[in-house]
Amino acid sequence: MRRMIGYLKAIESMAVLRLDSMRWHRQLGRLRQSASPRARGKILFCDVVGSYAVSKAQSLYAVALRQLGYDSVVLLDRPNAVIERNYRSAGVTEFYYLENLSPDPETRRGRAETLLSEYDDLNDLLSLEIDGVRVGRNVLSKTVRQFRVGRLDNGDAAHRAAVADYLCQSLAAAEGARSMMKEGPFKAAFFCERGYTPAGEVFDVCTLAGADAIQWVAAPMDGTHLFKRYRTANRAMHPLSLSDQSWRAASGMPWRAQQDEQLLDQLRSHYQSGAWYNRQQLQTGKRIKTVSEVHRELGLDPAKKTAVIFCHILYDATFFYGTSLFPDYQSWLVETVRCAIANPSLNWVIKAHPVNVWRSRMDGVAVEPLELNVLQAAFGGLPDHVRFMAADTPINTYSLFEVADFGLTVRGTIGLELPCFGIPVVTAGTGRYSGRGFTIDPDTPQAYRALLAGLQERERLDEATVNRARRYAHATLRWRPMPLTSMEFQFGLKSRTLKSNVWLSPACPPDLTTAPDIWRMASWAVEGDEEDLLAPGADRFVAPRVAEEDDPSVFASDIREGRSE
């Protein structure tokens, strides 16, 4: 009976995907018929994860790029009829498969075991690079994600076996990607996922071969995407970060009180409405509470200043970006709490990341208080001046903006938010916004510990520092996200088969050369060299023609109305 139920579910899933693909094929029909110039080159789309929604979005990008004279090639892990149908609907006919480019990862078993034998601790594998490919961080990222742990156990046979398997895959993926690049060249390579094995290896090989690696991801606000161009020099940067060019423009743009009001209102409204990463439902069921309510519910001493430790998900994208003072997010958390325990002059709040709830639901497992388990293993109980705030707390995160006197993170988004309110943030890693002049960035673990020992003596940020933070946040949150007008992403679908999906928007024009979002992205991808794709209206501040008397408030209406100059 159980086998029959599984068989029927598989048939149902295939039917749902086939019907959805047929509808997508019809939607793209008018776009496929648009005239295309003589081919000028090739674009690679890396889809080794085989995400259904990603394949639909990238197939639409392929249509626009074809209209600019670039044929598209798709890289999959192995043949996938469902995913390929979506790309073929956009006129894509050429596919590469990693399993064919570098067959049988098991043939690398001997080399993988030899490499592992050089490391006494699996976690030390992080530094391993082979011919410029960051094999170690890709493999460790994949392994901690699989086991949903913050740090690998060197004595755990399952952990060691998984690392060995992924190392074989990593070596094979790098070899296959190099083989593929010899058949290029590719003008650019598009990635949605680019950190886990095998996508991370393909990403590195592309940048090393001189192809622009373009990552696109959903932005914090619904209905917007981020696009960032990577080369070897910036490949460790977070997609939400600002390039040096964008930061110079933000630092020098005219700034008035109106920008302050707009930015702070935007940050407040995102938490109040739940629009901040709404697809992950971070604030669902949570309420913004008063300072006295938070003090009472968390048991904080109102006479003391309060430092909030904003935890990362310990096993998600742990090693993707920048460099860190501590080996991993778990080590950072343990060392930070150790400092907190030793400093009773402050209230300390350990805030588990709310996305743990959504991530557990997507993984199909119960919510596990991983951070609390780690801390209990390290310290047993916590003293009264150190409090734990669970991921499913009813307290909306914005409540802490009124409570916190200090924030601590490795590289989380909170580091560009809290300084906008004058609240100092201590970072423990690079790759996002560190070094831009509005966060406290100790450069060694020793300096970090010393800073936390006397953190209560620190004052609120001065006006100049707050202004830098607000300029950075303004450019990050208002210039970088590209409003989507040609497609609609749907998240949290109740279908067993499709948890997310993509459709053409009713506003999508029959010729993508008039689409303000897709066409702008495609033109930037193959005709420009800027690291950041900026939304319509933002580039007026980056271009050298900007006059001092230009009114920066125009940008807000440009975004709302989708205008481009």
Protein backbone atom coordinates (compact mmCIF):
# COMPACT_ATOMS: atom_id res chain seq x y z
CA MET A 1 0.00 0.00 0.00
CA ARG A 2 2.78 2.44 0.94
CA ARG A 3 4.54 1.75 -2.36
CA MET A 4 1.30 2.33 -4.27
CA ILE A 5 0.73 5.67 -2.50
CA GLY A 6 4.26 6.74 -3.38
CA TYR A 7 3.72 5.73 -6.99
CA LEU A 8 0.47 7.71 -7.21
CA LYS A 9 2.14 10.78 -5.68
CA ALA A 10 4.93 10.56 -8.23
CA ILE A 11 2.40 10.42 -11.08
CA GLU A 12 0.56 13.42 -9.60
CA SER A 13 3.83 15.37 -9.31
CA MET A 14 4.77 14.62 -12.91
CA ALA A 15 1.35 15.73 -14.10
CA VAL A 16 1.52 19.01 -12.16
CA LEU A 17 4.95 19.84 -13.56
CA ARG A 18 4.00 18.90 -17.12
CA LEU A 19 0.86 21.05 -17.07
CA ASP A 20 2.80 23.94 -15.56
CA SER A 21 5.53 23.61 -18.22
CA MET A 22 2.94 23.58 -20.99
CA ARG A 23 1.46 26.80 -19.69
CA TRP A 24 4.94 28.35 -19.45
CA HIS A 25 5.63 27.30 -23.05
CA ARG A 26 2.46 29.07 -24.18
CA GLN A 27 3.31 32.19 -22.19
CA LEU A 28 6.72 32.45 -23.79
CA GLY A 29 5.40 31.81 -27.30
CA ARG A 30 5.17 35.47 -28.30
CA LEU A 31 8.59 36.16 -26.86
CA ARG A 32 10.21 33.25 -28.76
CA GLN A 33 9.00 34.71 -32.03
CA SER A 34 10.76 38.05 -31.53
CA ALA A 35 13.54 38.81 -33.98
CA SER A 36 17.11 38.11 -32.90
CA PRO A 37 20.33 39.56 -34.32
CA ARG A 38 23.25 37.48 -35.49
CA ALA A 39 24.84 35.68 -32.54
CA ARG A 40 27.66 37.66 -30.90
CA GLY A 41 28.56 35.11 -28.26
CA LYS A 42 27.33 32.68 -25.64
CA ILE A 43 25.92 32.97 -22.13
CA LEU A 44 26.07 30.15 -19.59
CA PHE A 45 23.27 29.48 -17.12
CA CYS A 46 24.40 27.31 -14.22
CA ASP A 47 21.45 25.32 -12.87
CA VAL A 48 23.18 22.33 -11.29
CA VAL A 49 20.70 22.42 -8.38
CA GLY A 50 17.83 21.86 -10.80
CA SER A 51 15.37 24.32 -9.28
CA TYR A 52 12.08 24.50 -11.16
CA ALA A 53 11.35 28.18 -10.39
CA VAL A 54 14.96 29.15 -11.14
CA SER A 55 14.80 27.47 -14.54
CA LYS A 56 11.74 29.53 -15.47
CA ALA A 57 13.30 32.82 -14.39
CA GLN A 58 16.55 32.06 -16.20
CA SER A 59 14.72 31.01 -19.34
CA LEU A 60 13.16 34.48 -19.45
CA TYR A 61 16.62 36.01 -19.05
CA ALA A 62 17.75 33.84 -21.97
CA VAL A 63 15.05 35.33 -24.20
CA ALA A 64 16.26 38.87 -23.49
CA LEU A 65 19.89 37.93 -24.02
CA ARG A 66 19.07 36.30 -27.35
CA GLN A 67 17.51 39.59 -28.45
CA LEU A 68 20.90 41.15 -27.71
CA GLY A 69 22.64 38.56 -29.85
CA TYR A 70 23.73 35.97 -27.27
CA ASP A 71 22.84 32.30 -27.40
CA SER A 72 22.36 30.53 -24.10
CA VAL A 73 23.82 27.27 -22.85
CA VAL A 74 22.50 25.59 -19.70
CA LEU A 75 24.64 23.52 -17.34
CA LEU A 76 22.75 20.85 -15.38
CA ASP A 77 24.06 18.21 -13.04
CA ARG A 78 22.42 15.52 -15.19
CA PRO A 79 19.61 15.35 -17.80
CA ASN A 80 16.32 16.64 -16.41
CA ALA A 81 13.38 16.60 -18.81
CA VAL A 82 11.20 18.87 -16.67
CA ILE A 83 13.84 21.57 -16.20
CA GLU A 84 14.95 21.35 -19.83
CA ARG A 85 11.37 21.90 -21.06
CA ASN A 86 11.31 25.27 -19.36
CA TYR A 87 14.54 26.35 -21.04
CA ARG A 88 13.51 24.97 -24.42
CA SER A 89 10.37 27.09 -24.17
CA ALA A 90 12.72 30.08 -24.36
CA GLY A 91 14.50 28.73 -27.42
CA VAL A 92 17.47 27.25 -25.54
CA THR A 93 18.69 24.10 -27.28
CA GLU A 94 22.19 23.51 -25.92
CA PHE A 95 22.77 21.74 -22.60
CA TYR A 96 25.85 20.54 -20.77
CA TYR A 97 25.76 17.94 -18.00
CA LEU A 98 28.37 17.74 -15.26
CA GLU A 99 28.06 13.97 -15.15
CA ASN A 100 29.16 13.82 -18.81
CA LEU A 101 31.86 16.48 -18.57
CA SER A 102 33.57 14.70 -15.72
CA PRO A 103 32.00 11.28 -15.22
CA ASP A 104 32.15 9.18 -12.07
CA PRO A 105 33.31 11.32 -9.12
CA GLU A 106 34.35 8.06 -7.43
CA THR A 107 37.47 8.01 -9.58
CA ARG A 108 38.66 10.94 -7.41
CA ARG A 109 38.24 8.90 -4.22
CA GLY A 110 41.94 8.25 -3.83
CA ARG A 111 42.87 11.90 -4.20
CA ALA A 112 40.08 12.94 -1.84
CA GLU A 113 41.24 10.54 0.86
CA THR A 114 44.82 11.75 0.44
CA LEU A 115 43.73 15.36 0.84
CA LEU A 116 41.66 14.53 3.93
CA SER A 117 44.58 12.71 5.52
CA GLU A 118 46.46 16.02 5.58
CA TYR A 119 43.93 17.53 7.99
CA ASP A 120 43.67 16.49 11.64
CA ASP A 121 40.36 18.35 11.91
CA LEU A 122 37.72 18.31 9.16
CA ASN A 123 36.91 21.94 9.88
CA ASP A 124 40.44 22.97 8.88
CA LEU A 125 39.55 21.96 5.34
CA LEU A 126 38.09 25.46 4.97
CA SER A 127 41.36 26.88 3.68
CA LEU A 128 41.80 24.29 0.92
CA GLU A 129 42.08 25.78 -2.57
CA ILE A 130 43.07 23.80 -5.64
CA ASP A 131 44.16 25.77 -8.69
CA GLY A 132 42.23 28.78 -7.40
CA VAL A 133 38.99 26.87 -6.75
CA ARG A 134 37.83 27.23 -3.13
CA VAL A 135 37.16 23.54 -2.68
CA GLY A 136 37.26 23.55 1.12
CA ARG A 137 34.63 26.18 1.78
CA ASN A 138 32.28 24.71 -0.82
CA VAL A 139 32.54 21.20 0.62
CA LEU A 140 32.19 22.29 4.25
CA SER A 141 29.21 24.51 3.37
CA LYS A 142 27.47 21.54 1.77
CA THR A 143 28.25 19.20 4.65
CA VAL A 144 27.10 21.40 7.55
CA ARG A 145 23.96 22.19 5.54
CA GLN A 146 23.21 18.49 5.09
CA PHE A 147 23.59 17.67 8.77
CA ARG A 148 22.09 20.99 9.98
CA VAL A 149 24.99 21.53 12.38
CA GLY A 150 27.16 24.54 13.06
CA ARG A 151 30.43 22.62 13.17
CA LEU A 152 31.51 19.20 11.98
CA ASP A 153 32.45 16.52 14.50
CA ASN A 154 35.82 15.13 13.50
CA GLY A 155 35.04 11.87 15.28
CA ASP A 156 31.67 11.37 13.58
CA ALA A 157 32.00 8.71 10.87
CA ALA A 158 28.97 10.08 8.99
CA HIS A 159 30.47 13.58 8.88
CA ARG A 160 33.80 12.27 7.62
CA ALA A 161 32.14 10.08 4.99
CA ALA A 162 30.02 12.98 3.72
CA VAL A 163 33.04 15.27 3.48
CA ALA A 164 34.88 12.60 1.47
CA ASP A 165 31.89 12.18 -0.87
CA TYR A 166 31.48 15.90 -1.43
CA LEU A 167 35.20 16.31 -1.94
CA CYS A 168 35.00 13.74 -4.74
CA GLN A 169 32.11 15.71 -6.24
CA SER A 170 34.02 18.96 -5.85
CA LEU A 171 37.09 17.68 -7.66
CA ALA A 172 34.94 16.27 -10.44
CA ALA A 173 32.88 19.46 -10.76
CA ALA A 174 35.98 21.64 -11.05
CA GLU A 175 37.40 19.34 -13.72
CA GLY A 176 34.10 19.28 -15.61
CA ALA A 177 33.72 23.05 -15.44
CA ARG A 178 37.22 23.55 -16.85
CA SER A 179 36.42 21.17 -19.69
CA MET A 180 33.25 23.12 -20.44
CA MET A 181 35.01 26.48 -20.40
CA LYS A 182 37.42 25.23 -23.07
CA GLU A 183 34.42 24.83 -25.36
CA GLY A 184 33.31 28.42 -24.68
CA PRO A 185 34.21 31.16 -24.40
CA PHE A 186 31.25 32.56 -22.48
CA LYS A 187 30.58 36.28 -22.19
CA ALA A 188 28.97 35.74 -18.79
CA ALA A 189 27.69 32.97 -16.54
CA PHE A 190 24.49 33.31 -14.50
CA PHE A 191 24.08 31.76 -11.06
CA CYS A 192 21.31 31.76 -8.48
CA GLU A 193 23.07 29.27 -6.21
CA ARG A 194 26.84 29.71 -6.18
CA GLY A 195 28.16 28.62 -2.78
CA TYR A 196 27.54 24.91 -2.32
CA THR A 197 29.29 22.07 -4.16
CA PRO A 198 29.07 21.70 -7.17
CA ALA A 199 27.81 25.21 -8.01
CA GLY A 200 30.65 26.84 -6.08
CA GLU A 201 33.28 25.09 -8.16
CA VAL A 202 31.63 26.13 -11.43
CA PHE A 203 31.41 29.71 -10.14
CA ASP A 204 35.12 29.82 -9.32
CA VAL A 205 36.19 28.22 -12.60
CA CYS A 206 34.13 30.76 -14.55
CA THR A 207 35.68 33.74 -12.77
CA LEU A 208 39.17 32.29 -13.12
CA ALA A 209 38.57 31.81 -16.85
CA GLY A 210 37.67 35.48 -17.23
CA ALA A 211 33.90 35.15 -17.64
CA ASP A 212 31.72 37.54 -15.66
CA ALA A 213 29.88 35.48 -13.05
CA ILE A 214 26.52 37.11 -12.39
CA GLN A 215 24.56 36.12 -9.33
CA TRP A 216 20.90 36.94 -9.00
CA VAL A 217 18.95 36.44 -5.78
CA ALA A 218 15.68 37.58 -4.29
CA ALA A 219 16.14 40.91 -2.49
CA PRO A 220 14.84 41.55 1.04
CA MET A 221 11.70 43.22 -0.35
CA ASP A 222 9.09 41.18 -2.22
CA GLY A 223 8.95 41.69 -5.96
CA THR A 224 12.61 42.68 -6.32
CA HIS A 225 15.84 40.94 -7.30
CA LEU A 226 19.53 41.68 -6.78
CA PHE A 227 22.12 41.26 -9.52
CA LYS A 228 25.85 41.41 -8.90
CA ARG A 229 28.78 40.90 -11.26
CA TYR A 230 31.66 38.86 -9.88
CA ARG A 231 35.26 38.50 -10.88
CA THR A 232 38.08 36.93 -8.90
CA ALA A 233 38.78 40.18 -7.00
CA ASN A 234 35.28 40.45 -5.48
CA ARG A 235 34.07 36.86 -5.49
CA ALA A 236 33.84 36.71 -1.67
CA MET A 237 31.44 39.68 -1.44
CA HIS A 238 27.80 39.31 -0.43
CA PRO A 239 25.29 40.02 -3.24
CA LEU A 240 23.65 42.75 -1.10
CA SER A 241 26.95 44.59 -0.62
CA LEU A 242 27.86 47.82 -2.41
CA SER A 243 30.71 48.02 -4.86
CA ASP A 244 33.35 50.70 -4.33
CA GLN A 245 31.79 52.64 -7.21
CA SER A 246 28.30 52.50 -5.71
CA TRP A 247 29.63 53.44 -2.27
CA ARG A 248 31.51 56.45 -3.63
CA ALA A 249 28.33 57.63 -5.30
CA ALA A 250 26.29 57.12 -2.14
CA SER A 251 28.91 58.91 -0.06
CA GLY A 252 28.90 61.94 -2.35
CA MET A 253 25.24 62.25 -3.29
CA PRO A 254 23.21 65.24 -2.04
CA TRP A 255 21.58 64.32 1.27
CA ARG A 256 18.71 66.03 3.01
CA ALA A 257 16.50 65.34 5.99
CA GLN A 258 13.97 63.83 3.61
CA GLN A 259 16.29 60.88 2.97
CA ASP A 260 16.61 60.26 6.70
CA GLU A 261 12.85 60.18 7.11
CA GLN A 262 12.29 57.94 4.08
CA LEU A 263 14.92 55.43 5.12
CA LEU A 264 13.85 55.13 8.75
CA ASP A 265 10.21 54.87 7.70
CA GLN A 266 11.15 52.13 5.25
CA LEU A 267 13.00 50.12 7.90
CA ARG A 268 10.15 50.49 10.40
CA SER A 269 7.47 49.61 7.88
CA HIS A 270 9.29 46.48 6.74
CA TYR A 271 9.15 45.04 10.24
CA GLN A 272 5.68 46.37 11.01
CA SER A 273 4.17 44.90 7.85
CA GLY A 274 6.35 41.81 7.79
CA ALA A 275 7.57 42.73 4.29
CA TRP A 276 11.23 42.19 5.26
CA TYR A 277 12.09 38.82 3.68
CA ASN A 278 8.38 38.10 3.67
CA ARG A 279 8.87 34.92 1.63
CA GLN A 280 10.57 33.47 4.72
CA GLN A 281 7.77 34.71 7.02
CA LEU A 282 10.25 36.08 9.57
CA GLN A 283 7.79 38.23 11.50
CA THR A 284 4.64 36.13 11.14
CA GLY A 285 2.79 35.96 14.46
CA LYS A 286 5.10 38.52 16.07
CA ARG A 287 4.22 41.90 17.55
CA ILE A 288 6.29 45.03 18.07
CA LYS A 289 6.40 45.45 21.82
CA THR A 290 7.29 48.34 24.06
CA VAL A 291 10.63 48.65 25.85
CA SER A 292 9.03 47.82 29.17
CA GLU A 293 7.30 44.76 27.71
CA VAL A 294 10.56 43.46 26.27
CA HIS A 295 12.40 44.10 29.53
CA ARG A 296 9.73 42.25 31.44
CA GLU A 297 9.37 39.29 29.08
CA LEU A 298 13.11 38.74 28.72
CA GLY A 299 13.90 39.52 32.35
CA LEU A 300 16.30 42.39 31.57
CA ASP A 301 17.59 44.88 34.11
CA PRO A 302 16.35 48.35 33.02
CA ALA A 303 19.29 49.98 34.82
CA LYS A 304 21.81 48.33 32.48
CA LYS A 305 22.61 48.83 28.83
CA THR A 306 21.67 45.93 26.57
CA ALA A 307 23.76 44.13 23.94
CA VAL A 308 21.97 41.87 21.46
CA ILE A 309 23.78 38.98 19.79
CA PHE A 310 22.08 38.45 16.44
CA CYS A 311 22.72 34.82 15.58
CA HIS A 312 23.20 33.58 12.06
CA ILE A 313 21.70 30.27 10.97
CA LEU A 314 24.59 28.12 12.05
CA TYR A 315 24.52 25.82 9.02
CA ASP A 316 23.32 28.02 6.14
CA ALA A 317 25.77 29.83 3.83
CA THR A 318 28.29 29.61 6.66
CA PHE A 319 31.42 30.00 4.55
CA PHE A 320 30.21 31.82 1.45
CA TYR A 321 31.35 35.37 2.09
CA GLY A 322 34.45 37.24 3.19
CA THR A 323 36.69 36.17 6.04
CA SER A 324 35.72 35.60 9.66
CA LEU A 325 37.48 36.06 12.99
CA PHE A 326 36.31 32.63 14.11
CA PRO A 327 36.21 29.35 12.17
CA ASP A 328 32.41 29.24 11.80
CA TYR A 329 29.19 30.79 13.09
CA GLN A 330 28.99 28.28 15.93
CA SER A 331 32.48 29.12 17.18
CA TRP A 332 31.66 32.83 16.96
CA LEU A 333 28.47 32.32 18.97
CA VAL A 334 30.22 30.31 21.69
CA GLU A 335 33.09 32.79 22.02
CA THR A 336 30.72 35.77 22.04
CA VAL A 337 28.55 34.24 24.75
CA ARG A 338 31.69 33.38 26.72
CA CYS A 339 32.52 37.10 26.68
CA ALA A 340 28.93 37.93 27.63
CA ILE A 341 29.02 35.62 30.63
CA ALA A 342 32.21 37.33 31.77
CA ASN A 343 30.69 40.82 31.51
CA PRO A 344 27.69 41.23 33.85
CA SER A 345 27.78 45.03 33.42
CA LEU A 346 25.42 44.58 30.46
CA ASN A 347 22.20 42.78 29.72
CA TRP A 348 22.97 40.29 26.97
CA VAL A 349 20.26 38.93 24.66
CA ILE A 350 21.05 35.96 22.39
CA LYS A 351 18.58 36.23 19.52
CA ALA A 352 18.17 33.09 17.44
CA HIS A 353 17.54 33.86 13.78
CA PRO A 354 13.79 33.74 13.01
CA VAL A 355 14.40 32.08 9.63
CA ASN A 356 15.13 28.87 11.56
CA VAL A 357 11.36 28.33 11.67
CA TRP A 358 10.90 28.68 7.91
CA ARG A 359 14.07 26.74 7.08
CA SER A 360 13.00 23.82 9.26
CA ARG A 361 9.60 23.78 7.60
CA MET A 362 11.21 23.75 4.12
CA ASP A 363 13.49 20.90 5.24
CA GLY A 364 10.50 19.00 6.59
CA VAL A 365 11.84 18.72 10.14
CA ALA A 366 10.81 20.02 13.55
CA VAL A 367 12.22 23.35 14.71
CA GLU A 368 15.31 22.56 16.76
CA PRO A 369 16.83 25.12 19.16
CA LEU A 370 20.29 24.45 17.71
CA GLU A 371 21.83 27.61 19.17
CA LEU A 372 20.53 26.83 22.65
CA ASN A 373 21.73 23.23 22.40
CA VAL A 374 25.20 24.42 21.42
CA LEU A 375 25.33 26.87 24.33
CA GLN A 376 24.09 24.32 26.85
CA ALA A 377 26.78 21.91 25.70
CA ALA A 378 29.41 24.63 26.10
CA PHE A 379 28.26 26.29 29.34
CA GLY A 380 25.43 24.33 30.88
CA GLY A 381 23.05 27.03 32.11
CA LEU A 382 23.32 30.75 31.39
CA PRO A 383 23.62 33.41 34.13
CA ASP A 384 20.76 35.83 34.77
CA HIS A 385 22.34 38.66 32.80
CA VAL A 386 22.40 36.52 29.62
CA ARG A 387 19.01 35.75 28.08
CA PHE A 388 18.01 33.58 25.14
CA MET A 389 15.39 34.70 22.62
CA ALA A 390 14.06 31.75 20.61
CA ALA A 391 13.46 31.79 16.85
CA ASP A 392 9.70 31.48 17.35
CA THR A 393 9.48 34.29 19.90
CA PRO A 394 6.32 36.44 19.72
CA ILE A 395 8.53 39.55 19.91
CA ASN A 396 8.93 41.31 16.55
CA THR A 397 12.62 41.99 15.81
CA TYR A 398 11.99 45.73 15.49
CA SER A 399 11.18 45.80 19.20
CA LEU A 400 14.89 45.37 19.84
CA PHE A 401 15.71 48.57 17.96
CA GLU A 402 14.33 50.44 20.97
CA VAL A 403 15.95 48.14 23.52
CA ALA A 404 19.44 47.51 22.13
CA ASP A 405 22.40 49.73 22.96
CA PHE A 406 24.74 47.45 20.99
CA GLY A 407 24.44 44.78 18.32
CA LEU A 408 26.78 41.90 17.52
CA THR A 409 26.93 39.92 14.28
CA VAL A 410 29.43 38.34 11.93
CA ARG A 411 28.01 39.96 8.79
CA GLY A 412 24.23 39.96 9.13
CA THR A 413 21.84 42.54 7.68
CA ILE A 414 21.35 43.96 11.15
CA GLY A 415 24.82 45.52 10.81
CA LEU A 416 23.56 48.00 8.24
CA GLU A 417 20.24 48.59 10.03
CA LEU A 418 21.07 49.32 13.68
CA PRO A 419 23.74 51.99 12.91
CA CYS A 420 21.04 53.95 11.08
CA PHE A 421 19.50 54.46 14.54
CA GLY A 422 22.81 55.34 16.19
CA ILE A 423 23.33 51.88 17.69
CA PRO A 424 26.92 50.56 17.43
CA VAL A 425 27.37 47.13 15.84
CA VAL A 426 30.42 44.95 16.39
CA THR A 427 31.22 42.67 13.45
CA ALA A 428 33.29 39.49 13.36
CA GLY A 429 33.67 39.10 9.61
CA THR A 430 34.01 40.83 6.26
CA GLY A 431 32.20 40.56 2.95
CA ARG A 432 29.14 42.76 3.52
CA TYR A 433 29.69 46.30 4.80
CA SER A 434 32.67 46.11 7.18
CA GLY A 435 35.27 48.79 6.65
CA ARG A 436 32.74 51.34 5.37
CA GLY A 437 33.06 53.45 8.51
CA PHE A 438 29.88 52.78 10.48
CA THR A 439 30.55 49.42 12.18
CA ILE A 440 33.17 48.40 14.75
CA ASP A 441 35.40 45.85 13.03
CA PRO A 442 38.06 44.28 15.28
CA ASP A 443 40.66 42.51 13.17
CA THR A 444 41.67 39.70 15.54
CA PRO A 445 39.85 37.41 17.97
CA GLN A 446 41.88 38.95 20.79
CA ALA A 447 40.79 42.47 19.86
CA TYR A 448 37.18 41.24 19.60
CA ARG A 449 37.24 39.75 23.10
CA ALA A 450 38.87 42.85 24.58
CA LEU A 451 36.26 45.08 22.98
CA LEU A 452 33.38 43.03 24.41
CA ALA A 453 34.93 43.12 27.87
CA GLY A 454 34.44 46.89 27.98
CA LEU A 455 31.55 47.26 25.56
CA GLN A 456 29.40 49.07 28.10
CA GLU A 457 31.78 52.05 27.91
CA ARG A 458 31.04 52.67 24.24
CA GLU A 459 28.85 55.64 23.32
CA ARG A 460 26.15 55.84 20.70
CA LEU A 461 27.32 56.62 17.18
CA ASP A 462 27.98 60.24 16.34
CA GLU A 463 26.10 62.14 13.65
CA ALA A 464 28.74 61.65 10.93
CA THR A 465 28.84 57.89 11.49
CA VAL A 466 25.06 57.62 11.46
CA ASN A 467 25.00 59.54 8.19
CA ARG A 468 27.46 57.07 6.63
CA ALA A 469 25.30 54.18 7.78
CA ARG A 470 22.16 55.75 6.36
CA ARG A 471 23.81 56.46 3.03
CA TYR A 472 24.99 52.86 2.82
CA ALA A 473 21.58 51.49 3.79
CA HIS A 474 19.85 53.88 1.38
CA ALA A 475 21.99 52.73 -1.55
CA THR A 476 21.74 49.08 -0.52
CA LEU A 477 17.98 49.00 -0.01
CA ARG A 478 16.85 51.56 -2.58
CA TRP A 479 19.44 51.43 -5.35
CA ARG A 480 20.30 47.73 -5.48
CA PRO A 481 16.92 45.90 -5.53
CA MET A 482 15.55 45.73 -9.09
CA PRO A 483 11.73 45.92 -9.14
CA LEU A 484 10.33 43.03 -11.17
CA THR A 485 7.72 44.08 -13.70
CA SER A 486 7.96 41.25 -16.24
CA MET A 487 7.68 38.24 -13.94
CA GLU A 488 6.06 37.31 -10.68
CA PHE A 489 7.66 35.03 -8.08
CA GLN A 490 5.35 33.04 -5.86
CA PHE A 491 6.63 31.64 -2.57
CA GLY A 492 5.11 29.40 0.07
CA LEU A 493 2.77 27.58 -2.30
CA LYS A 494 0.75 24.79 -0.68
CA SER A 495 1.33 22.39 -3.56
CA ARG A 496 3.31 19.29 -2.58
CA THR A 497 5.13 19.53 -5.90
CA LEU A 498 5.76 23.27 -6.27
CA LYS A 499 6.74 25.26 -3.19
CA SER A 500 7.63 28.25 -5.38
CA ASN A 501 6.91 29.22 -8.96
CA VAL A 502 7.36 31.93 -11.57
CA TRP A 503 4.91 33.40 -14.08
CA LEU A 504 5.03 36.17 -16.62
CA SER A 505 3.47 39.33 -15.27
CA PRO A 506 0.48 40.78 -17.14
CA ALA A 507 2.68 43.86 -17.57
CA CYS A 508 5.37 41.91 -19.46
CA PRO A 509 5.58 43.45 -22.96
CA PRO A 510 5.56 41.24 -26.08
CA ASP A 511 9.06 42.53 -26.89
CA LEU A 512 11.49 42.42 -23.98
CA THR A 513 13.43 45.34 -25.47
CA THR A 514 10.76 47.52 -23.85
CA ALA A 515 10.75 45.68 -20.49
CA PRO A 516 12.30 48.00 -17.88
CA ASP A 517 13.54 45.16 -15.67
CA ILE A 518 14.61 42.23 -17.86
CA TRP A 519 16.04 44.39 -20.62
CA ARG A 520 17.91 46.59 -18.16
CA MET A 521 19.46 43.52 -16.57
CA ALA A 522 20.41 41.92 -19.90
CA SER A 523 22.00 45.11 -21.21
CA TRP A 524 23.99 45.54 -18.00
CA ALA A 525 25.11 41.92 -18.13
CA VAL A 526 26.66 41.99 -21.62
CA GLU A 527 27.28 45.65 -22.41
CA GLY A 528 28.55 47.07 -19.10
CA ASP A 529 31.21 46.23 -16.57
CA GLU A 530 29.71 47.73 -13.39
CA GLU A 531 29.71 45.38 -10.42
CA ASP A 532 26.25 46.39 -9.18
CA LEU A 533 23.11 46.50 -11.27
CA LEU A 534 21.21 49.55 -10.03
CA ALA A 535 17.45 50.03 -10.22
CA PRO A 536 15.97 52.66 -12.56
CA GLY A 537 16.75 56.15 -11.30
CA ALA A 538 19.68 55.15 -9.11
CA ASP A 539 22.35 55.49 -11.78
CA ARG A 540 21.65 59.21 -12.00
CA PHE A 541 23.68 59.51 -8.80
CA VAL A 542 26.50 57.31 -10.06
CA ALA A 543 26.89 59.00 -13.45
CA PRO A 544 29.35 61.92 -13.50
CA ARG A 545 26.75 64.30 -14.91
CA VAL A 546 24.95 64.59 -11.55
CA ALA A 547 24.63 68.22 -10.45
CA GLU A 548 24.79 69.28 -6.82
CA GLU A 549 21.34 70.81 -7.01
CA ASP A 550 19.71 67.59 -8.22
CA ASP A 551 16.91 66.54 -5.90
CA PRO A 552 17.58 62.98 -4.66
CA SER A 553 13.97 62.57 -3.61
CA VAL A 554 13.13 62.02 -7.29
CA PHE A 555 14.55 58.52 -6.95
CA ALA A 556 11.70 57.38 -4.71
CA SER A 557 9.08 58.20 -7.34
CA ASP A 558 11.27 56.72 -10.08
CA ILE A 559 11.20 53.37 -8.29
CA ARG A 560 7.48 53.44 -7.58
CA GLU A 561 6.59 54.30 -11.17
CA GLY A 562 9.26 52.15 -12.79
CA ARG A 563 10.68 55.10 -14.72
CA SER A 564 14.14 55.23 -16.23
CA GLU A 565 15.88 58.37 -17.34
